[in-house]
N, C-alpha and C. Protein backbone atom coordinates (compact mmCIF):
# COMPACT_ATOMS: atom_id res chain seq x y z
N ILE A 1 133.50 79.12 56.46
CA ILE A 1 133.10 79.09 57.86
C ILE A 1 134.17 78.40 58.70
N ASP A 2 134.86 77.41 58.14
CA ASP A 2 135.88 76.70 58.91
C ASP A 2 136.95 77.64 59.44
N ASN A 3 137.43 78.58 58.61
CA ASN A 3 138.48 79.48 59.06
C ASN A 3 138.02 80.42 60.15
N ALA A 4 136.75 80.83 60.11
CA ALA A 4 136.23 81.74 61.12
C ALA A 4 136.21 81.08 62.50
N TRP A 5 136.04 79.78 62.56
CA TRP A 5 135.94 79.06 63.83
C TRP A 5 137.26 78.42 64.25
N ARG A 6 138.29 78.51 63.43
CA ARG A 6 139.54 77.79 63.69
C ARG A 6 140.17 78.12 65.04
N GLY A 7 140.30 79.39 65.37
CA GLY A 7 140.89 79.78 66.65
C GLY A 7 140.08 79.30 67.84
N ALA A 8 138.77 79.47 67.74
CA ALA A 8 137.89 79.01 68.82
C ALA A 8 137.99 77.50 68.98
N GLU A 9 138.05 76.80 67.86
CA GLU A 9 138.16 75.34 67.89
C GLU A 9 139.47 74.90 68.56
N GLY A 10 140.57 75.55 68.19
CA GLY A 10 141.87 75.20 68.79
C GLY A 10 141.87 75.39 70.30
N TYR A 11 141.40 76.55 70.75
CA TYR A 11 141.37 76.79 72.19
C TYR A 11 140.33 75.93 72.90
N HIS A 12 139.25 75.58 72.20
CA HIS A 12 138.27 74.65 72.76
C HIS A 12 138.94 73.31 73.07
N PHE A 13 139.72 72.80 72.11
CA PHE A 13 140.39 71.52 72.33
C PHE A 13 141.47 71.62 73.42
N LEU A 14 142.13 72.77 73.52
CA LEU A 14 143.11 72.96 74.60
C LEU A 14 142.42 72.89 75.96
N LEU A 15 141.32 73.59 76.11
CA LEU A 15 140.58 73.55 77.38
C LEU A 15 139.99 72.18 77.64
N LEU A 16 139.51 71.53 76.59
CA LEU A 16 138.95 70.19 76.74
C LEU A 16 140.02 69.21 77.22
N ALA A 17 141.22 69.28 76.64
CA ALA A 17 142.30 68.39 77.07
C ALA A 17 142.65 68.63 78.54
N GLN A 18 142.71 69.89 78.94
CA GLN A 18 143.00 70.20 80.34
C GLN A 18 141.90 69.67 81.27
N ARG A 19 140.65 69.83 80.86
CA ARG A 19 139.53 69.34 81.68
C ARG A 19 139.57 67.82 81.78
N GLN A 20 139.81 67.14 80.66
CA GLN A 20 139.87 65.68 80.67
C GLN A 20 141.01 65.20 81.56
N LEU A 21 142.14 65.87 81.49
CA LEU A 21 143.28 65.49 82.33
C LEU A 21 142.96 65.72 83.80
N TYR A 22 142.38 66.85 84.13
CA TYR A 22 142.03 67.17 85.51
C TYR A 22 141.02 66.17 86.07
N GLU A 23 140.10 65.71 85.23
CA GLU A 23 139.08 64.76 85.67
C GLU A 23 139.56 63.31 85.66
N GLY A 24 140.81 63.08 85.26
CA GLY A 24 141.39 61.75 85.31
C GLY A 24 141.21 60.91 84.06
N PHE A 25 140.73 61.49 82.99
CA PHE A 25 140.56 60.75 81.73
C PHE A 25 141.82 60.94 80.88
N THR A 26 142.90 60.27 81.28
CA THR A 26 144.21 60.54 80.67
C THR A 26 144.28 60.14 79.20
N ASP A 27 143.69 59.00 78.83
CA ASP A 27 143.73 58.61 77.42
C ASP A 27 142.96 59.60 76.55
N ALA A 28 141.80 60.01 77.03
CA ALA A 28 141.00 61.00 76.29
C ALA A 28 141.75 62.33 76.21
N ALA A 29 142.39 62.72 77.30
CA ALA A 29 143.15 63.97 77.32
C ALA A 29 144.31 63.92 76.34
N LEU A 30 144.99 62.77 76.26
CA LEU A 30 146.10 62.65 75.33
C LEU A 30 145.60 62.69 73.88
N ARG A 31 144.48 62.05 73.64
CA ARG A 31 143.89 62.08 72.29
C ARG A 31 143.56 63.52 71.90
N THR A 32 142.95 64.25 72.82
CA THR A 32 142.57 65.64 72.54
C THR A 32 143.81 66.53 72.43
N ALA A 33 144.79 66.30 73.28
CA ALA A 33 146.03 67.09 73.21
C ALA A 33 146.72 66.90 71.86
N HIS A 34 146.68 65.68 71.34
CA HIS A 34 147.27 65.43 70.02
C HIS A 34 146.59 66.25 68.93
N ALA A 35 145.31 66.52 69.11
CA ALA A 35 144.58 67.33 68.12
C ALA A 35 145.16 68.74 68.02
N LEU A 36 145.79 69.20 69.08
CA LEU A 36 146.32 70.57 69.12
C LEU A 36 147.45 70.80 68.13
N VAL A 37 148.12 69.74 67.70
CA VAL A 37 149.22 69.87 66.74
C VAL A 37 148.72 70.55 65.46
N ASP A 38 147.47 70.35 65.12
CA ASP A 38 146.89 70.98 63.93
C ASP A 38 146.65 72.48 64.11
N TYR A 39 146.89 73.01 65.31
CA TYR A 39 146.59 74.41 65.61
C TYR A 39 147.83 75.22 65.98
N GLU A 40 148.99 74.82 65.49
CA GLU A 40 150.22 75.56 65.80
C GLU A 40 150.18 76.98 65.26
N ASP A 41 149.31 77.26 64.30
CA ASP A 41 149.17 78.61 63.78
C ASP A 41 148.32 79.49 64.70
N VAL A 42 147.65 78.88 65.66
CA VAL A 42 146.74 79.60 66.55
C VAL A 42 147.24 79.58 67.99
N ILE A 43 147.74 78.44 68.44
CA ILE A 43 148.19 78.25 69.83
C ILE A 43 149.72 78.13 69.81
N PRO A 44 150.41 78.77 70.74
CA PRO A 44 151.88 78.67 70.77
C PRO A 44 152.34 77.20 70.87
N ALA A 45 153.35 76.86 70.07
CA ALA A 45 153.86 75.49 70.02
C ALA A 45 154.30 75.01 71.40
N GLU A 46 154.89 75.88 72.19
CA GLU A 46 155.34 75.48 73.52
C GLU A 46 154.16 75.03 74.39
N THR A 47 153.05 75.72 74.29
CA THR A 47 151.84 75.34 75.03
C THR A 47 151.34 73.98 74.58
N ILE A 48 151.31 73.78 73.26
CA ILE A 48 150.82 72.52 72.70
C ILE A 48 151.67 71.34 73.17
N TYR A 49 152.99 71.45 72.98
CA TYR A 49 153.85 70.31 73.30
C TYR A 49 154.04 70.12 74.80
N ALA A 50 153.86 71.18 75.58
CA ALA A 50 153.92 71.02 77.04
C ALA A 50 152.73 70.20 77.54
N ILE A 51 151.53 70.47 77.00
CA ILE A 51 150.37 69.69 77.45
C ILE A 51 150.44 68.27 76.92
N ILE A 52 151.00 68.08 75.72
CA ILE A 52 151.17 66.71 75.22
C ILE A 52 152.17 65.97 76.10
N ALA A 53 153.30 66.60 76.45
CA ALA A 53 154.30 65.94 77.29
C ALA A 53 153.73 65.61 78.67
N LEU A 54 153.03 66.55 79.27
CA LEU A 54 152.44 66.31 80.59
C LEU A 54 151.43 65.17 80.54
N THR A 55 150.53 65.24 79.57
CA THR A 55 149.48 64.23 79.46
C THR A 55 150.07 62.86 79.13
N ALA A 56 151.04 62.83 78.23
CA ALA A 56 151.67 61.57 77.86
C ALA A 56 152.41 60.95 79.04
N THR A 57 153.03 61.77 79.86
CA THR A 57 153.71 61.25 81.05
C THR A 57 152.71 60.60 82.00
N ILE A 58 151.61 61.28 82.24
CA ILE A 58 150.59 60.74 83.14
C ILE A 58 149.97 59.48 82.56
N ALA A 59 149.79 59.45 81.22
CA ALA A 59 149.20 58.28 80.55
C ALA A 59 150.23 57.17 80.33
N ARG A 60 151.47 57.41 80.73
CA ARG A 60 152.57 56.45 80.59
C ARG A 60 152.84 56.10 79.12
N SER A 61 152.66 57.10 78.27
CA SER A 61 152.98 56.96 76.84
C SER A 61 154.28 57.72 76.60
N PHE A 62 155.38 57.08 77.02
CA PHE A 62 156.66 57.78 77.05
C PHE A 62 157.26 58.01 75.67
N GLY A 63 156.85 57.25 74.67
CA GLY A 63 157.28 57.52 73.29
C GLY A 63 156.70 58.84 72.81
N THR A 64 155.43 59.04 73.06
CA THR A 64 154.76 60.29 72.72
C THR A 64 155.35 61.44 73.53
N CYS A 65 155.62 61.18 74.80
CA CYS A 65 156.23 62.18 75.67
C CYS A 65 157.60 62.59 75.13
N SER A 66 158.39 61.62 74.69
CA SER A 66 159.71 61.90 74.14
C SER A 66 159.61 62.79 72.91
N ASN A 67 158.65 62.49 72.03
CA ASN A 67 158.48 63.31 70.83
C ASN A 67 158.10 64.74 71.19
N ALA A 68 157.27 64.91 72.21
CA ALA A 68 156.89 66.25 72.65
C ALA A 68 158.10 66.99 73.23
N PHE A 69 158.93 66.29 73.99
CA PHE A 69 160.12 66.94 74.56
C PHE A 69 161.11 67.34 73.47
N ILE A 70 161.19 66.59 72.40
CA ILE A 70 162.05 66.98 71.29
C ILE A 70 161.62 68.35 70.76
N LYS A 71 160.32 68.55 70.64
CA LYS A 71 159.81 69.86 70.20
C LYS A 71 160.08 70.94 71.26
N LEU A 72 159.89 70.59 72.53
CA LEU A 72 160.09 71.57 73.60
C LEU A 72 161.56 71.98 73.75
N GLU A 73 162.46 71.09 73.42
CA GLU A 73 163.88 71.40 73.53
C GLU A 73 164.35 72.32 72.40
N ASN A 74 163.45 72.69 71.52
CA ASN A 74 163.78 73.62 70.43
C ASN A 74 163.15 75.00 70.64
N VAL A 75 162.63 75.28 71.84
CA VAL A 75 162.05 76.60 72.09
C VAL A 75 163.16 77.64 72.11
N GLU A 76 162.79 78.88 71.83
CA GLU A 76 163.78 79.96 71.73
C GLU A 76 164.33 80.38 73.08
N ASN A 77 163.53 80.35 74.12
CA ASN A 77 163.95 80.79 75.45
C ASN A 77 164.97 79.80 76.02
N GLU A 78 166.19 80.27 76.21
CA GLU A 78 167.29 79.42 76.68
C GLU A 78 167.01 78.80 78.05
N GLU A 79 166.44 79.59 78.96
CA GLU A 79 166.14 79.10 80.30
C GLU A 79 165.10 77.97 80.25
N SER A 80 164.05 78.17 79.47
CA SER A 80 163.01 77.14 79.32
C SER A 80 163.59 75.89 78.67
N ARG A 81 164.41 76.08 77.65
CA ARG A 81 165.01 74.94 76.95
C ARG A 81 165.84 74.09 77.91
N THR A 82 166.62 74.74 78.75
CA THR A 82 167.44 74.03 79.74
C THR A 82 166.56 73.25 80.71
N GLU A 83 165.48 73.87 81.17
CA GLU A 83 164.57 73.19 82.09
C GLU A 83 163.92 71.97 81.44
N TYR A 84 163.52 72.11 80.16
CA TYR A 84 162.93 70.97 79.44
C TYR A 84 163.94 69.85 79.26
N GLU A 85 165.19 70.20 78.96
CA GLU A 85 166.22 69.18 78.79
C GLU A 85 166.47 68.42 80.10
N GLN A 86 166.53 69.15 81.21
CA GLN A 86 166.73 68.51 82.51
C GLN A 86 165.56 67.61 82.88
N LEU A 87 164.36 68.07 82.63
CA LEU A 87 163.17 67.27 82.93
C LEU A 87 163.12 66.02 82.06
N ALA A 88 163.49 66.15 80.80
CA ALA A 88 163.51 64.99 79.90
C ALA A 88 164.52 63.95 80.38
N VAL A 89 165.69 64.39 80.80
CA VAL A 89 166.69 63.46 81.31
C VAL A 89 166.15 62.75 82.55
N GLU A 90 165.51 63.49 83.43
CA GLU A 90 164.94 62.91 84.66
C GLU A 90 163.88 61.84 84.33
N ILE A 91 163.04 62.13 83.37
CA ILE A 91 161.97 61.18 83.00
C ILE A 91 162.54 59.97 82.30
N PHE A 92 163.39 60.19 81.29
CA PHE A 92 163.81 59.08 80.43
C PHE A 92 164.97 58.26 80.97
N THR A 93 165.54 58.67 82.09
CA THR A 93 166.48 57.76 82.77
C THR A 93 165.71 56.72 83.58
N ARG A 94 164.47 57.02 83.91
CA ARG A 94 163.62 56.08 84.64
C ARG A 94 162.74 55.23 83.73
N TYR A 95 162.28 55.84 82.65
CA TYR A 95 161.30 55.17 81.77
C TYR A 95 161.78 55.21 80.33
N PRO A 96 161.80 54.06 79.66
CA PRO A 96 162.20 54.07 78.25
C PRO A 96 161.15 54.79 77.40
N PRO A 97 161.58 55.48 76.34
CA PRO A 97 160.63 56.23 75.52
C PRO A 97 159.80 55.34 74.59
N ARG A 98 158.92 54.56 75.20
CA ARG A 98 158.01 53.68 74.46
C ARG A 98 156.59 53.94 74.92
N ASP A 99 155.67 53.82 73.98
CA ASP A 99 154.26 53.94 74.34
C ASP A 99 153.78 52.59 74.82
N SER A 100 153.02 52.60 75.92
CA SER A 100 152.55 51.34 76.50
C SER A 100 151.39 50.75 75.72
N ARG A 101 150.68 51.59 74.99
CA ARG A 101 149.55 51.08 74.21
C ARG A 101 149.26 52.04 73.06
N THR A 102 148.81 51.48 71.99
CA THR A 102 148.33 52.29 70.89
C THR A 102 147.08 51.62 70.35
N GLN A 103 145.97 52.29 70.50
CA GLN A 103 144.71 51.76 70.01
C GLN A 103 144.51 52.22 68.58
N LYS A 104 143.90 51.38 67.80
CA LYS A 104 143.66 51.70 66.40
C LYS A 104 142.15 51.74 66.15
N ILE A 105 141.77 52.61 65.23
CA ILE A 105 140.38 52.72 64.78
C ILE A 105 140.39 52.36 63.31
N GLU A 106 139.43 51.57 62.88
CA GLU A 106 139.37 51.14 61.49
C GLU A 106 138.91 52.28 60.60
N CYS A 107 139.60 52.48 59.48
CA CYS A 107 139.22 53.49 58.49
C CYS A 107 137.97 52.99 57.77
N THR A 108 137.02 53.88 57.56
CA THR A 108 135.77 53.49 56.89
C THR A 108 135.88 53.54 55.37
N ASN A 109 136.98 54.08 54.84
CA ASN A 109 137.15 54.19 53.39
C ASN A 109 138.03 53.10 52.79
N CYS A 110 138.87 52.50 53.60
CA CYS A 110 139.78 51.45 53.10
C CYS A 110 139.98 50.44 54.23
N GLU A 111 140.95 49.60 54.09
CA GLU A 111 141.21 48.61 55.14
C GLU A 111 142.31 49.06 56.08
N GLY A 112 142.65 50.33 56.03
CA GLY A 112 143.68 50.88 56.89
C GLY A 112 143.15 51.17 58.29
N SER A 113 144.01 51.77 59.07
CA SER A 113 143.61 52.12 60.43
C SER A 113 144.20 53.47 60.81
N ILE A 114 143.60 54.04 61.83
CA ILE A 114 144.00 55.34 62.36
C ILE A 114 144.35 55.11 63.82
N THR A 115 145.46 55.68 64.28
CA THR A 115 145.68 55.62 65.72
C THR A 115 144.62 56.49 66.36
N ASP A 116 144.16 56.14 67.53
CA ASP A 116 143.08 56.95 68.11
C ASP A 116 143.57 58.34 68.53
N TYR A 117 144.88 58.58 68.45
CA TYR A 117 145.41 59.91 68.71
C TYR A 117 145.44 60.76 67.45
N GLY A 118 145.33 60.11 66.29
CA GLY A 118 145.36 60.83 65.02
C GLY A 118 143.96 60.98 64.47
N ASN A 119 143.88 61.53 63.27
CA ASN A 119 142.59 61.61 62.61
C ASN A 119 142.71 61.42 61.10
N THR A 120 143.88 60.89 60.66
CA THR A 120 144.11 60.67 59.24
C THR A 120 144.55 59.23 59.01
N CYS A 121 143.93 58.58 58.02
CA CYS A 121 144.29 57.21 57.68
C CYS A 121 145.67 57.19 57.02
N SER A 122 146.50 56.27 57.44
CA SER A 122 147.86 56.18 56.90
C SER A 122 147.89 55.59 55.50
N ILE A 123 146.82 54.95 55.07
CA ILE A 123 146.80 54.33 53.74
C ILE A 123 146.13 55.24 52.71
N CYS A 124 144.90 55.67 52.98
CA CYS A 124 144.16 56.45 51.97
C CYS A 124 144.16 57.96 52.24
N ASP A 125 144.79 58.38 53.32
CA ASP A 125 144.88 59.80 53.69
C ASP A 125 143.54 60.48 53.95
N THR A 126 142.51 59.69 54.25
CA THR A 126 141.22 60.28 54.61
C THR A 126 141.38 60.96 55.96
N LYS A 127 140.97 62.23 56.03
CA LYS A 127 141.06 62.97 57.28
C LYS A 127 139.66 63.06 57.88
N TYR A 128 139.54 62.56 59.09
CA TYR A 128 138.26 62.56 59.79
C TYR A 128 138.16 63.78 60.68
N PRO A 129 136.97 64.40 60.75
CA PRO A 129 136.80 65.52 61.69
C PRO A 129 136.83 65.00 63.12
N ARG A 130 137.08 65.88 64.06
CA ARG A 130 137.11 65.49 65.47
C ARG A 130 135.77 65.83 66.14
N CYS A 131 135.40 64.97 67.05
CA CYS A 131 134.20 65.19 67.85
C CYS A 131 134.45 66.40 68.75
N ILE A 132 133.57 67.36 68.72
CA ILE A 132 133.73 68.58 69.50
C ILE A 132 133.52 68.33 71.00
N VAL A 133 132.95 67.18 71.35
CA VAL A 133 132.71 66.83 72.76
C VAL A 133 133.89 66.08 73.34
N THR A 134 134.45 65.12 72.59
CA THR A 134 135.48 64.22 73.13
C THR A 134 136.87 64.41 72.53
N GLY A 135 136.97 65.01 71.36
CA GLY A 135 138.26 65.13 70.68
C GLY A 135 138.60 63.91 69.85
N SER A 136 137.75 62.88 69.85
CA SER A 136 137.99 61.65 69.09
C SER A 136 137.69 61.87 67.62
N PRO A 137 138.36 61.11 66.74
CA PRO A 137 138.00 61.21 65.32
C PRO A 137 136.59 60.64 65.10
N LEU A 138 135.83 61.31 64.24
CA LEU A 138 134.47 60.87 63.91
C LEU A 138 134.53 59.98 62.67
N THR A 139 134.42 58.68 62.87
CA THR A 139 134.46 57.74 61.75
C THR A 139 133.08 57.24 61.37
N SER A 140 132.08 57.50 62.20
CA SER A 140 130.72 57.05 61.94
C SER A 140 130.02 58.01 60.98
N VAL A 141 129.11 57.46 60.20
CA VAL A 141 128.32 58.31 59.31
C VAL A 141 127.15 58.94 60.06
N HIS A 142 126.92 58.50 61.26
CA HIS A 142 125.85 59.06 62.10
C HIS A 142 126.48 59.98 63.13
N PHE A 143 126.20 61.26 63.01
CA PHE A 143 126.74 62.23 63.94
C PHE A 143 125.80 63.42 64.02
N TRP A 144 125.98 64.22 65.06
CA TRP A 144 125.23 65.46 65.22
C TRP A 144 126.08 66.58 64.64
N GLN A 145 125.44 67.56 63.99
CA GLN A 145 126.15 68.73 63.47
C GLN A 145 125.44 70.00 63.90
N CYS A 146 126.19 70.95 64.42
CA CYS A 146 125.63 72.22 64.86
C CYS A 146 125.16 73.02 63.64
N ASP A 147 123.98 73.59 63.74
CA ASP A 147 123.43 74.39 62.65
C ASP A 147 124.19 75.71 62.46
N THR A 148 124.82 76.19 63.53
CA THR A 148 125.50 77.49 63.46
C THR A 148 126.96 77.36 63.04
N CYS A 149 127.75 76.61 63.81
CA CYS A 149 129.20 76.55 63.53
C CYS A 149 129.59 75.36 62.67
N LYS A 150 128.66 74.44 62.45
CA LYS A 150 128.86 73.26 61.59
C LYS A 150 129.84 72.24 62.17
N HIS A 151 130.20 72.36 63.45
CA HIS A 151 131.06 71.35 64.06
C HIS A 151 130.23 70.14 64.44
N ARG A 152 130.90 69.01 64.58
CA ARG A 152 130.21 67.74 64.74
C ARG A 152 130.56 67.07 66.06
N ALA A 153 129.67 66.13 66.42
CA ALA A 153 129.89 65.33 67.63
C ALA A 153 129.22 63.98 67.43
N GLN A 154 129.70 62.98 68.15
CA GLN A 154 129.02 61.69 68.17
C GLN A 154 127.63 61.91 68.74
N GLU A 155 126.64 61.28 68.16
CA GLU A 155 125.28 61.43 68.66
C GLU A 155 125.17 61.02 70.13
N THR A 156 125.90 59.99 70.52
CA THR A 156 125.84 59.51 71.91
C THR A 156 126.51 60.48 72.88
N ASP A 157 127.46 61.29 72.39
CA ASP A 157 128.18 62.21 73.26
C ASP A 157 127.46 63.54 73.46
N ILE A 158 126.68 63.96 72.48
CA ILE A 158 126.06 65.28 72.53
C ILE A 158 124.76 65.30 73.33
N VAL A 159 124.19 64.12 73.61
CA VAL A 159 122.87 64.06 74.25
C VAL A 159 122.82 64.75 75.61
N SER A 160 123.92 64.84 76.30
CA SER A 160 123.91 65.46 77.63
C SER A 160 124.10 66.98 77.57
N PHE A 161 124.19 67.53 76.38
CA PHE A 161 124.40 68.98 76.22
C PHE A 161 123.12 69.65 75.76
N SER A 162 122.90 70.86 76.25
CA SER A 162 121.76 71.65 75.79
C SER A 162 122.19 72.72 74.78
N THR A 163 123.51 72.95 74.72
CA THR A 163 124.06 73.89 73.74
C THR A 163 125.27 73.26 73.07
N CYS A 164 125.62 73.79 71.92
CA CYS A 164 126.82 73.33 71.21
C CYS A 164 128.04 73.63 72.10
N PRO A 165 128.92 72.66 72.29
CA PRO A 165 130.10 72.88 73.15
C PRO A 165 131.05 73.96 72.61
N LEU A 166 130.97 74.26 71.32
CA LEU A 166 131.88 75.27 70.76
C LEU A 166 131.24 76.66 70.71
N CYS A 167 130.09 76.78 70.05
CA CYS A 167 129.50 78.11 69.84
C CYS A 167 128.36 78.43 70.80
N HIS A 168 127.93 77.46 71.58
CA HIS A 168 126.90 77.62 72.61
C HIS A 168 125.50 77.94 72.07
N THR A 169 125.26 77.59 70.81
CA THR A 169 123.92 77.70 70.24
C THR A 169 123.05 76.63 70.86
N LEU A 170 121.82 76.97 71.19
CA LEU A 170 120.88 75.99 71.75
C LEU A 170 120.68 74.84 70.78
N ILE A 171 120.66 73.64 71.33
CA ILE A 171 120.42 72.44 70.53
C ILE A 171 118.92 72.19 70.50
N ALA A 172 118.40 72.06 69.30
CA ALA A 172 116.94 71.89 69.15
C ALA A 172 116.51 70.49 69.52
């Protein structure tokens, strides 16, 4: 079932990141945009790294922005590559490529931690699923799961929905 929903899930997170950014939730948007890296087989890499670069710039996470520009400067289109290089120079002559903050979430399987932009523990390699509502890693054992698509959400986040955010099945 996971493979059948993979494309929908990837584009769901892309739209969610754009909505979060538009609504001014830059940290949430950056967290969700980071999730898109797992969907390079579904979403064009240029789209993924462009939204990460844009969101990271707005969130003032210039280290993350720099990493996204490194990927963007490797696109095949020569004209786009030149534009990305010029934009990177403009940004990084003003701002050093450092992230202003990195929040950590405690791993529930070991004493390690996960950056809130990631979903895998650096010590035990436990991979946490992402909340379909917020894009955050689900580290709690208490969560809601859709009966149809089997995607999960924090119980506190899903209460305002009448349907699953991914497959739109009515929530009982």
